[in-house]
All heavy atoms as atom14 arrays in JSON, in Angstrom:
{
  "sequence": "GIVKQHNGYVTVESKKGCGTTFRVYLPLTGQAPHEKVEKPTLPAKMG",
  "atom14_mask": [
    [1, 1, 1, 1, 0, 0, 0, 0, 0, 0, 0, 0, 0, 0],
    [1, 1, 1, 1, 1, 1, 1, 1, 0, 0, 0, 0, 0, 0],
    [1, 1, 1, 1, 1, 1, 1, 0, 0, 0, 0, 0, 0, 0],
    [1, 1, 1, 1, 1, 1, 1, 1, 1, 0, 0, 0, 0, 0],
    [1, 1, 1, 1, 1, 1, 1, 1, 1, 0, 0, 0, 0, 0],
    [1, 1, 1, 1, 1, 1, 1, 1, 1, 1, 0, 0, 0, 0],
    [1, 1, 1, 1, 1, 1, 1, 1, 0, 0, 0, 0, 0, 0],
    [1, 1, 1, 1, 0, 0, 0, 0, 0, 0, 0, 0, 0, 0],
    [1, 1, 1, 1, 1, 1, 1, 1, 1, 1, 1, 1, 0, 0],
    [1, 1, 1, 1, 1, 1, 1, 0, 0, 0, 0, 0, 0, 0],
    [1, 1, 1, 1, 1, 1, 1, 0, 0, 0, 0, 0, 0, 0],
    [1, 1, 1, 1, 1, 1, 1, 0, 0, 0, 0, 0, 0, 0],
    [1, 1, 1, 1, 1, 1, 1, 1, 1, 0, 0, 0, 0, 0],
    [1, 1, 1, 1, 1, 1, 0, 0, 0, 0, 0, 0, 0, 0],
    [1, 1, 1, 1, 1, 1, 1, 1, 1, 0, 0, 0, 0, 0],
    [1, 1, 1, 1, 1, 1, 1, 1, 1, 0, 0, 0, 0, 0],
    [1, 1, 1, 1, 0, 0, 0, 0, 0, 0, 0, 0, 0, 0],
    [1, 1, 1, 1, 1, 1, 0, 0, 0, 0, 0, 0, 0, 0],
    [1, 1, 1, 1, 0, 0, 0, 0, 0, 0, 0, 0, 0, 0],
    [1, 1, 1, 1, 1, 1, 1, 0, 0, 0, 0, 0, 0, 0],
    [1, 1, 1, 1, 1, 1, 1, 0, 0, 0, 0, 0, 0, 0],
    [1, 1, 1, 1, 1, 1, 1, 1, 1, 1, 1, 0, 0, 0],
    [1, 1, 1, 1, 1, 1, 1, 1, 1, 1, 1, 0, 0, 0],
    [1, 1, 1, 1, 1, 1, 1, 0, 0, 0, 0, 0, 0, 0],
    [1, 1, 1, 1, 1, 1, 1, 1, 1, 1, 1, 1, 0, 0],
    [1, 1, 1, 1, 1, 1, 1, 1, 0, 0, 0, 0, 0, 0],
    [1, 1, 1, 1, 1, 1, 1, 0, 0, 0, 0, 0, 0, 0],
    [1, 1, 1, 1, 1, 1, 1, 1, 0, 0, 0, 0, 0, 0],
    [1, 1, 1, 1, 1, 1, 1, 0, 0, 0, 0, 0, 0, 0],
    [1, 1, 1, 1, 0, 0, 0, 0, 0, 0, 0, 0, 0, 0],
    [1, 1, 1, 1, 1, 1, 1, 1, 1, 0, 0, 0, 0, 0],
    [1, 1, 1, 1, 1, 0, 0, 0, 0, 0, 0, 0, 0, 0],
    [1, 1, 1, 1, 1, 1, 1, 0, 0, 0, 0, 0, 0, 0],
    [1, 1, 1, 1, 1, 1, 1, 1, 1, 1, 0, 0, 0, 0],
    [1, 1, 1, 1, 1, 1, 1, 1, 1, 0, 0, 0, 0, 0],
    [1, 1, 1, 1, 1, 1, 1, 1, 1, 0, 0, 0, 0, 0],
    [1, 1, 1, 1, 1, 1, 1, 0, 0, 0, 0, 0, 0, 0],
    [1, 1, 1, 1, 1, 1, 1, 1, 1, 0, 0, 0, 0, 0],
    [1, 1, 1, 1, 1, 1, 1, 1, 1, 0, 0, 0, 0, 0],
    [1, 1, 1, 1, 1, 1, 1, 0, 0, 0, 0, 0, 0, 0],
    [1, 1, 1, 1, 1, 1, 1, 0, 0, 0, 0, 0, 0, 0],
    [1, 1, 1, 1, 1, 1, 1, 1, 0, 0, 0, 0, 0, 0],
    [1, 1, 1, 1, 1, 1, 1, 0, 0, 0, 0, 0, 0, 0],
    [1, 1, 1, 1, 1, 0, 0, 0, 0, 0, 0, 0, 0, 0],
    [1, 1, 1, 1, 1, 1, 1, 1, 1, 0, 0, 0, 0, 0],
    [1, 1, 1, 1, 1, 1, 1, 1, 0, 0, 0, 0, 0, 0],
    [1, 1, 1, 1, 0, 0, 0, 0, 0, 0, 0, 0, 0, 0]
  ],
  "atom14_positions": [
    [[0.82, -1.22, 0.0], [0.0, 0.0, 0.0], [0.85, 1.27, 0.0], [0.56, 2.22, -0.73], [0.0, 0.0, 0.0], [0.0, 0.0, 0.0], [0.0, 0.0, 0.0], [0.0, 0.0, 0.0], [0.0, 0.0, 0.0], [0.0, 0.0, 0.0], [0.0, 0.0, 0.0], [0.0, 0.0, 0.0], [0.0, 0.0, 0.0], [0.0, 0.0, 0.0]],
    [[1.89, 1.29, 0.8], [2.77, 2.46, 0.86], [3.46, 2.67, -0.48], [3.52, 3.79, -0.99], [3.8, 2.32, 2.0], [3.1, 2.4, 3.35], [4.9, 3.38, 1.89], [3.97, 2.0, 4.53], [0.0, 0.0, 0.0], [0.0, 0.0, 0.0], [0.0, 0.0, 0.0], [0.0, 0.0, 0.0], [0.0, 0.0, 0.0], [0.0, 0.0, 0.0]],
    [[3.97, 1.61, -1.06], [4.66, 1.72, -2.36], [3.68, 2.22, -3.43], [4.02, 3.1, -4.23], [5.31, 0.37, -2.74], [5.82, 0.4, -4.18], [6.45, 0.04, -1.78], [0.0, 0.0, 0.0], [0.0, 0.0, 0.0], [0.0, 0.0, 0.0], [0.0, 0.0, 0.0], [0.0, 0.0, 0.0], [0.0, 0.0, 0.0], [0.0, 0.0, 0.0]],
    [[2.46, 1.69, -3.45], [1.45, 2.13, -4.44], [1.1, 3.6, -4.25], [0.9, 4.33, -5.21], [0.18, 1.27, -4.34], [0.35, -0.16, -4.82], [0.78, -0.25, -6.25], [-0.4, -0.39, -7.16], [-0.03, -0.54, -8.55], [0.0, 0.0, 0.0], [0.0, 0.0, 0.0], [0.0, 0.0, 0.0], [0.0, 0.0, 0.0], [0.0, 0.0, 0.0]],
    [[1.0, 4.06, -2.99], [0.69, 5.46, -2.72], [1.77, 6.4, -3.25], [1.51, 7.56, -3.51], [0.53, 5.7, -1.22], [-0.76, 5.15, -0.65], [-0.82, 5.32, 0.86], [0.13, 5.7, 1.51], [-1.99, 5.01, 1.41], [0.0, 0.0, 0.0], [0.0, 0.0, 0.0], [0.0, 0.0, 0.0], [0.0, 0.0, 0.0], [0.0, 0.0, 0.0]],
    [[2.96, 5.87, -3.42], [4.07, 6.68, -3.94], [4.33, 6.38, -5.42], [5.43, 6.6, -5.93], [5.33, 6.44, -3.1], [5.22, 7.03, -1.74], [4.63, 6.36, -0.68], [5.57, 8.25, -1.26], [4.66, 7.13, 0.39], [5.21, 8.27, 0.07], [0.0, 0.0, 0.0], [0.0, 0.0, 0.0], [0.0, 0.0, 0.0], [0.0, 0.0, 0.0]],
    [[3.3, 5.86, -6.09], [3.35, 5.56, -7.52], [4.43, 4.57, -7.89], [5.02, 4.65, -8.97], [3.5, 6.86, -8.34], [2.34, 7.78, -8.14], [1.19, 7.34, -8.12], [2.6, 9.05, -7.96], [0.0, 0.0, 0.0], [0.0, 0.0, 0.0], [0.0, 0.0, 0.0], [0.0, 0.0, 0.0], [0.0, 0.0, 0.0], [0.0, 0.0, 0.0]],
    [[4.68, 3.62, -7.01], [5.67, 2.59, -7.29], [5.0, 1.23, -7.41], [3.78, 1.12, -7.45], [0.0, 0.0, 0.0], [0.0, 0.0, 0.0], [0.0, 0.0, 0.0], [0.0, 0.0, 0.0], [0.0, 0.0, 0.0], [0.0, 0.0, 0.0], [0.0, 0.0, 0.0], [0.0, 0.0, 0.0], [0.0, 0.0, 0.0], [0.0, 0.0, 0.0]],
    [[5.83, 0.21, -7.5], [5.28, -1.15, -7.54], [6.29, -2.12, -6.92], [7.47, -1.8, -6.76], [4.85, -1.56, -8.94], [5.95, -1.58, -9.98], [6.62, -2.76, -10.31], [6.31, -0.42, -10.66], [7.61, -2.77, -11.26], [7.3, -0.43, -11.61], [7.95, -1.6, -11.91], [8.95, -1.62, -12.86], [0.0, 0.0, 0.0], [0.0, 0.0, 0.0]],
    [[5.79, -3.3, -6.57], [6.6, -4.33, -5.93], [6.51, -5.58, -6.79], [5.42, -5.95, -7.24], [6.07, -4.66, -4.52], [6.92, -5.73, -3.86], [5.99, -3.42, -3.65], [0.0, 0.0, 0.0], [0.0, 0.0, 0.0], [0.0, 0.0, 0.0], [0.0, 0.0, 0.0], [0.0, 0.0, 0.0], [0.0, 0.0, 0.0], [0.0, 0.0, 0.0]],
    [[7.65, -6.23, -7.01], [7.63, -7.53, -7.69], [8.15, -8.59, -6.73], [8.91, -8.28, -5.8], [8.51, -7.53, -8.96], [9.88, -7.33, -8.59], [8.05, -6.48, -9.95], [0.0, 0.0, 0.0], [0.0, 0.0, 0.0], [0.0, 0.0, 0.0], [0.0, 0.0, 0.0], [0.0, 0.0, 0.0], [0.0, 0.0, 0.0], [0.0, 0.0, 0.0]],
    [[7.73, -9.81, -6.96], [8.2, -10.92, -6.14], [8.56, -12.08, -7.06], [7.85, -12.38, -8.01], [7.14, -11.35, -5.09], [5.84, -11.77, -5.73], [7.68, -12.44, -4.19], [0.0, 0.0, 0.0], [0.0, 0.0, 0.0], [0.0, 0.0, 0.0], [0.0, 0.0, 0.0], [0.0, 0.0, 0.0], [0.0, 0.0, 0.0], [0.0, 0.0, 0.0]],
    [[9.72, -12.65, -6.8], [10.17, -13.85, -7.51], [10.46, -14.89, -6.45], [11.19, -14.62, -5.5], [11.43, -13.56, -8.31], [11.25, -12.56, -9.43], [12.58, -12.15, -10.04], [13.59, -12.85, -9.83], [12.6, -11.13, -10.72], [0.0, 0.0, 0.0], [0.0, 0.0, 0.0], [0.0, 0.0, 0.0], [0.0, 0.0, 0.0], [0.0, 0.0, 0.0]],
    [[9.88, -16.07, -6.61], [10.09, -17.1, -5.6], [10.11, -18.46, -6.25], [9.35, -18.75, -7.17], [8.97, -17.03, -4.55], [9.24, -17.94, -3.51], [0.0, 0.0, 0.0], [0.0, 0.0, 0.0], [0.0, 0.0, 0.0], [0.0, 0.0, 0.0], [0.0, 0.0, 0.0], [0.0, 0.0, 0.0], [0.0, 0.0, 0.0], [0.0, 0.0, 0.0]],
    [[10.98, -19.29, -5.75], [11.05, -20.66, -6.19], [11.09, -21.51, -4.93], [11.97, -21.32, -4.08], [12.3, -20.89, -7.05], [12.3, -22.2, -7.78], [13.41, -22.23, -8.8], [13.25, -23.48, -9.65], [14.29, -23.56, -10.67], [0.0, 0.0, 0.0], [0.0, 0.0, 0.0], [0.0, 0.0, 0.0], [0.0, 0.0, 0.0], [0.0, 0.0, 0.0]],
    [[10.13, -22.39, -4.8], [10.0, -23.2, -3.59], [11.32, -23.9, -3.27], [11.91, -24.55, -4.12], [8.87, -24.21, -3.74], [8.45, -24.82, -2.43], [7.13, -25.53, -2.55], [6.81, -26.13, -1.21], [5.52, -25.85, -0.74], [0.0, 0.0, 0.0], [0.0, 0.0, 0.0], [0.0, 0.0, 0.0], [0.0, 0.0, 0.0], [0.0, 0.0, 0.0]],
    [[11.79, -23.69, -2.04], [13.03, -24.3, -1.6], [14.29, -23.54, -1.96], [15.38, -23.91, -1.54], [0.0, 0.0, 0.0], [0.0, 0.0, 0.0], [0.0, 0.0, 0.0], [0.0, 0.0, 0.0], [0.0, 0.0, 0.0], [0.0, 0.0, 0.0], [0.0, 0.0, 0.0], [0.0, 0.0, 0.0], [0.0, 0.0, 0.0], [0.0, 0.0, 0.0]],
    [[14.14, -22.47, -2.76], [15.32, -21.73, -3.21], [15.36, -20.3, -2.68], [16.39, -19.65, -2.74], [15.38, -21.68, -4.74], [15.68, -23.31, -5.46], [0.0, 0.0, 0.0], [0.0, 0.0, 0.0], [0.0, 0.0, 0.0], [0.0, 0.0, 0.0], [0.0, 0.0, 0.0], [0.0, 0.0, 0.0], [0.0, 0.0, 0.0], [0.0, 0.0, 0.0]],
    [[14.26, -19.78, -2.19], [14.23, -18.42, -1.66], [13.31, -17.51, -2.43], [12.72, -17.89, -3.45], [0.0, 0.0, 0.0], [0.0, 0.0, 0.0], [0.0, 0.0, 0.0], [0.0, 0.0, 0.0], [0.0, 0.0, 0.0], [0.0, 0.0, 0.0], [0.0, 0.0, 0.0], [0.0, 0.0, 0.0], [0.0, 0.0, 0.0], [0.0, 0.0, 0.0]],
    [[13.2, -16.3, -1.92], [12.28, -15.31, -2.47], [13.0, -13.97, -2.59], [13.76, -13.6, -1.71], [11.04, -15.15, -1.56], [10.41, -16.43, -1.43], [10.05, -14.15, -2.13], [0.0, 0.0, 0.0], [0.0, 0.0, 0.0], [0.0, 0.0, 0.0], [0.0, 0.0, 0.0], [0.0, 0.0, 0.0], [0.0, 0.0, 0.0], [0.0, 0.0, 0.0]],
    [[12.74, -13.25, -3.68], [13.3, -11.92, -3.88], [12.16, -10.94, -4.09], [11.3, -11.15, -4.94], [14.23, -11.89, -5.11], [15.27, -12.85, -4.93], [14.83, -10.51, -5.32], [0.0, 0.0, 0.0], [0.0, 0.0, 0.0], [0.0, 0.0, 0.0], [0.0, 0.0, 0.0], [0.0, 0.0, 0.0], [0.0, 0.0, 0.0], [0.0, 0.0, 0.0]],
    [[12.17, -9.87, -3.3], [11.21, -8.78, -3.47], [11.98, -7.6, -4.03], [13.09, -7.3, -3.58], [10.6, -8.37, -2.12], [9.67, -9.38, -1.55], [10.13, -10.36, -0.68], [8.32, -9.36, -1.86], [9.28, -11.3, -0.14], [7.45, -10.29, -1.32], [7.93, -11.26, -0.45], [0.0, 0.0, 0.0], [0.0, 0.0, 0.0], [0.0, 0.0, 0.0]],
    [[11.39, -6.92, -5.0], [11.99, -5.7, -5.53], [10.95, -4.59, -5.42], [9.8, -4.77, -5.81], [12.4, -5.9, -6.99], [13.61, -6.79, -7.15], [14.12, -6.78, -8.59], [15.34, -7.55, -8.7], [15.39, -8.85, -8.98], [14.27, -9.51, -9.19], [16.54, -9.47, -9.04], [0.0, 0.0, 0.0], [0.0, 0.0, 0.0], [0.0, 0.0, 0.0]],
    [[11.4, -3.46, -4.88], [10.53, -2.29, -4.73], [11.03, -1.24, -5.7], [12.21, -0.88, -5.69], [10.58, -1.75, -3.28], [9.76, -0.47, -3.15], [10.1, -2.8, -2.3], [0.0, 0.0, 0.0], [0.0, 0.0, 0.0], [0.0, 0.0, 0.0], [0.0, 0.0, 0.0], [0.0, 0.0, 0.0], [0.0, 0.0, 0.0], [0.0, 0.0, 0.0]],
    [[10.12, -0.75, -6.54], [10.45, 0.27, -7.53], [9.67, 1.54, -7.19], [8.45, 1.51, -7.08], [10.07, -0.19, -8.94], [10.85, -1.41, -9.39], [10.38, -2.7, -9.14], [12.06, -1.27, -10.06], [11.1, -3.81, -9.55], [12.79, -2.37, -10.47], [12.3, -3.65, -10.21], [13.01, -4.74, -10.61], [0.0, 0.0, 0.0], [0.0, 0.0, 0.0]],
    [[10.42, 2.63, -7.03], [9.81, 3.93, -6.75], [10.25, 4.9, -7.83], [11.4, 4.84, -8.31], [10.23, 4.43, -5.37], [9.75, 3.58, -4.19], [10.44, 4.01, -2.91], [8.24, 3.67, -4.05], [0.0, 0.0, 0.0], [0.0, 0.0, 0.0], [0.0, 0.0, 0.0], [0.0, 0.0, 0.0], [0.0, 0.0, 0.0], [0.0, 0.0, 0.0]],
    [[9.38, 5.84, -8.21], [9.75, 6.78, -9.27], [10.8, 7.79, -8.79], [10.85, 8.14, -7.62], [8.43, 7.48, -9.6], [7.61, 7.34, -8.37], [8.03, 6.05, -7.72], [0.0, 0.0, 0.0], [0.0, 0.0, 0.0], [0.0, 0.0, 0.0], [0.0, 0.0, 0.0], [0.0, 0.0, 0.0], [0.0, 0.0, 0.0], [0.0, 0.0, 0.0]],
    [[11.62, 8.23, -9.73], [12.57, 9.3, -9.44], [11.83, 10.62, -9.39], [10.77, 10.79, -10.01], [13.64, 9.37, -10.54], [14.65, 8.25, -10.58], [15.56, 8.4, -11.8], [15.49, 8.23, -9.31], [0.0, 0.0, 0.0], [0.0, 0.0, 0.0], [0.0, 0.0, 0.0], [0.0, 0.0, 0.0], [0.0, 0.0, 0.0], [0.0, 0.0, 0.0]],
    [[12.38, 11.55, -8.71], [11.79, 12.87, -8.66], [12.85, 13.89, -9.05], [14.04, 13.69, -8.78], [11.2, 13.18, -7.26], [10.66, 14.49, -7.28], [12.24, 13.09, -6.18], [0.0, 0.0, 0.0], [0.0, 0.0, 0.0], [0.0, 0.0, 0.0], [0.0, 0.0, 0.0], [0.0, 0.0, 0.0], [0.0, 0.0, 0.0], [0.0, 0.0, 0.0]],
    [[12.43, 14.97, -9.65], [13.35, 16.02, -10.06], [13.59, 17.03, -8.96], [14.37, 17.96, -9.12], [0.0, 0.0, 0.0], [0.0, 0.0, 0.0], [0.0, 0.0, 0.0], [0.0, 0.0, 0.0], [0.0, 0.0, 0.0], [0.0, 0.0, 0.0], [0.0, 0.0, 0.0], [0.0, 0.0, 0.0], [0.0, 0.0, 0.0], [0.0, 0.0, 0.0]],
    [[12.94, 16.88, -7.85], [13.06, 17.85, -6.77], [14.3, 17.55, -5.92], [14.67, 16.4, -5.71], [11.83, 17.82, -5.87], [10.55, 18.2, -6.57], [9.36, 18.06, -5.63], [9.39, 17.37, -4.64], [8.29, 18.75, -5.98], [0.0, 0.0, 0.0], [0.0, 0.0, 0.0], [0.0, 0.0, 0.0], [0.0, 0.0, 0.0], [0.0, 0.0, 0.0]],
    [[14.91, 18.62, -5.46], [16.04, 18.47, -4.54], [15.49, 18.06, -3.17], [14.36, 18.41, -2.82], [16.78, 19.8, -4.42], [0.0, 0.0, 0.0], [0.0, 0.0, 0.0], [0.0, 0.0, 0.0], [0.0, 0.0, 0.0], [0.0, 0.0, 0.0], [0.0, 0.0, 0.0], [0.0, 0.0, 0.0], [0.0, 0.0, 0.0], [0.0, 0.0, 0.0]],
    [[16.28, 17.33, -2.41], [15.81, 16.95, -1.07], [15.55, 18.19, -0.22], [16.26, 19.2, -0.35], [16.97, 16.15, -0.49], [17.9, 15.87, -1.61], [17.59, 16.82, -2.72], [0.0, 0.0, 0.0], [0.0, 0.0, 0.0], [0.0, 0.0, 0.0], [0.0, 0.0, 0.0], [0.0, 0.0, 0.0], [0.0, 0.0, 0.0], [0.0, 0.0, 0.0]],
    [[14.54, 18.1, 0.6], [14.22, 19.22, 1.49], [15.28, 19.33, 2.57], [15.76, 18.34, 3.1], [12.85, 19.01, 2.16], [11.71, 19.06, 1.19], [11.26, 20.23, 0.65], [10.95, 18.07, 0.66], [10.26, 19.97, -0.18], [10.05, 18.67, -0.19], [0.0, 0.0, 0.0], [0.0, 0.0, 0.0], [0.0, 0.0, 0.0], [0.0, 0.0, 0.0]],
    [[15.63, 20.57, 2.87], [16.59, 20.8, 3.93], [15.88, 20.61, 5.26], [14.79, 21.15, 5.48], [17.13, 22.23, 3.81], [18.3, 22.51, 4.71], [18.85, 23.91, 4.47], [19.1, 24.26, 3.29], [19.0, 24.64, 5.45], [0.0, 0.0, 0.0], [0.0, 0.0, 0.0], [0.0, 0.0, 0.0], [0.0, 0.0, 0.0], [0.0, 0.0, 0.0]],
    [[16.48, 19.85, 6.15], [15.87, 19.63, 7.44], [16.02, 20.87, 8.3], [17.11, 21.42, 8.42], [16.5, 18.44, 8.15], [16.06, 17.11, 7.59], [16.44, 16.0, 8.52], [15.84, 14.71, 7.99], [16.07, 13.6, 8.88], [0.0, 0.0, 0.0], [0.0, 0.0, 0.0], [0.0, 0.0, 0.0], [0.0, 0.0, 0.0], [0.0, 0.0, 0.0]],
    [[14.92, 21.28, 8.87], [14.92, 22.43, 9.76], [14.6, 21.92, 11.15], [13.61, 21.21, 11.35], [13.86, 23.48, 9.31], [13.81, 24.63, 10.28], [14.15, 23.94, 7.9], [0.0, 0.0, 0.0], [0.0, 0.0, 0.0], [0.0, 0.0, 0.0], [0.0, 0.0, 0.0], [0.0, 0.0, 0.0], [0.0, 0.0, 0.0], [0.0, 0.0, 0.0]],
    [[15.44, 22.28, 12.09], [15.19, 21.86, 13.46], [14.0, 22.62, 14.0], [13.99, 23.85, 14.02], [16.43, 22.14, 14.33], [17.6, 21.24, 14.04], [17.36, 19.81, 14.54], [16.69, 19.64, 15.57], [17.85, 18.88, 13.87], [0.0, 0.0, 0.0], [0.0, 0.0, 0.0], [0.0, 0.0, 0.0], [0.0, 0.0, 0.0], [0.0, 0.0, 0.0]],
    [[13.0, 21.88, 14.42], [11.83, 22.5, 15.02], [11.98, 22.44, 16.54], [12.44, 21.43, 17.07], [10.55, 21.77, 14.61], [10.24, 21.89, 13.15], [8.94, 21.19, 12.82], [8.65, 21.3, 11.33], [7.43, 20.6, 10.96], [0.0, 0.0, 0.0], [0.0, 0.0, 0.0], [0.0, 0.0, 0.0], [0.0, 0.0, 0.0], [0.0, 0.0, 0.0]],
    [[11.62, 23.51, 17.19], [11.73, 23.46, 18.65], [10.77, 22.39, 19.2], [9.65, 22.25, 18.72], [11.31, 24.86, 19.11], [10.57, 25.44, 17.96], [11.07, 24.75, 16.72], [0.0, 0.0, 0.0], [0.0, 0.0, 0.0], [0.0, 0.0, 0.0], [0.0, 0.0, 0.0], [0.0, 0.0, 0.0], [0.0, 0.0, 0.0], [0.0, 0.0, 0.0]],
    [[11.25, 21.64, 20.15], [10.4, 20.61, 20.72], [9.8, 21.11, 22.02], [10.48, 21.74, 22.84], [11.2, 19.32, 20.99], [12.29, 19.62, 21.85], [11.72, 18.72, 19.69], [0.0, 0.0, 0.0], [0.0, 0.0, 0.0], [0.0, 0.0, 0.0], [0.0, 0.0, 0.0], [0.0, 0.0, 0.0], [0.0, 0.0, 0.0], [0.0, 0.0, 0.0]],
    [[8.53, 20.84, 22.16], [7.84, 21.2, 23.38], [7.83, 19.99, 24.3], [7.76, 18.85, 23.83], [6.39, 21.61, 23.07], [6.23, 22.8, 22.13], [4.77, 22.99, 21.77], [6.79, 24.06, 22.78], [0.0, 0.0, 0.0], [0.0, 0.0, 0.0], [0.0, 0.0, 0.0], [0.0, 0.0, 0.0], [0.0, 0.0, 0.0], [0.0, 0.0, 0.0]],
    [[7.91, 20.21, 25.58], [7.86, 19.05, 26.47], [6.52, 18.34, 26.33], [5.48, 18.98, 26.2], [8.04, 19.65, 27.86], [7.76, 21.11, 27.72], [7.99, 21.47, 26.28], [0.0, 0.0, 0.0], [0.0, 0.0, 0.0], [0.0, 0.0, 0.0], [0.0, 0.0, 0.0], [0.0, 0.0, 0.0], [0.0, 0.0, 0.0], [0.0, 0.0, 0.0]],
    [[6.58, 17.02, 26.32], [5.35, 16.24, 26.19], [4.49, 16.43, 27.43], [4.99, 16.46, 28.55], [5.68, 14.76, 26.01], [0.0, 0.0, 0.0], [0.0, 0.0, 0.0], [0.0, 0.0, 0.0], [0.0, 0.0, 0.0], [0.0, 0.0, 0.0], [0.0, 0.0, 0.0], [0.0, 0.0, 0.0], [0.0, 0.0, 0.0], [0.0, 0.0, 0.0]],
    [[3.21, 16.57, 27.18], [2.26, 16.68, 28.3], [2.18, 15.3, 28.96], [1.97, 14.29, 28.29], [0.89, 17.1, 27.78], [-0.14, 17.24, 28.87], [-1.49, 17.62, 28.3], [-2.52, 17.57, 29.41], [-3.87, 17.63, 28.91], [0.0, 0.0, 0.0], [0.0, 0.0, 0.0], [0.0, 0.0, 0.0], [0.0, 0.0, 0.0], [0.0, 0.0, 0.0]],
    [[2.38, 15.27, 30.24], [2.33, 14.01, 30.96], [0.88, 13.66, 31.27], [0.08, 14.52, 31.59], [3.15, 14.1, 32.24], [4.62, 14.39, 31.97], [5.4, 13.25, 30.83], [6.02, 12.06, 31.96], [0.0, 0.0, 0.0], [0.0, 0.0, 0.0], [0.0, 0.0, 0.0], [0.0, 0.0, 0.0], [0.0, 0.0, 0.0], [0.0, 0.0, 0.0]],
    [[0.58, 12.38, 31.17], [-0.77, 11.91, 31.38], [-1.16, 11.89, 32.85], [-0.37, 12.13, 33.74], [0.0, 0.0, 0.0], [0.0, 0.0, 0.0], [0.0, 0.0, 0.0], [0.0, 0.0, 0.0], [0.0, 0.0, 0.0], [0.0, 0.0, 0.0], [0.0, 0.0, 0.0], [0.0, 0.0, 0.0], [0.0, 0.0, 0.0], [0.0, 0.0, 0.0]]
  ]
}
């Protein structure tokens, strides 16, 4: 579901007794990675 939501797909190859291979394909994007900005953290409200 997560891969499909990101316009990708998953393939599976399996042979009984020999193992299984999963491949996840996600599309490339032309956007530069977002710069991480430190957000101030508020103390968690205790229950």
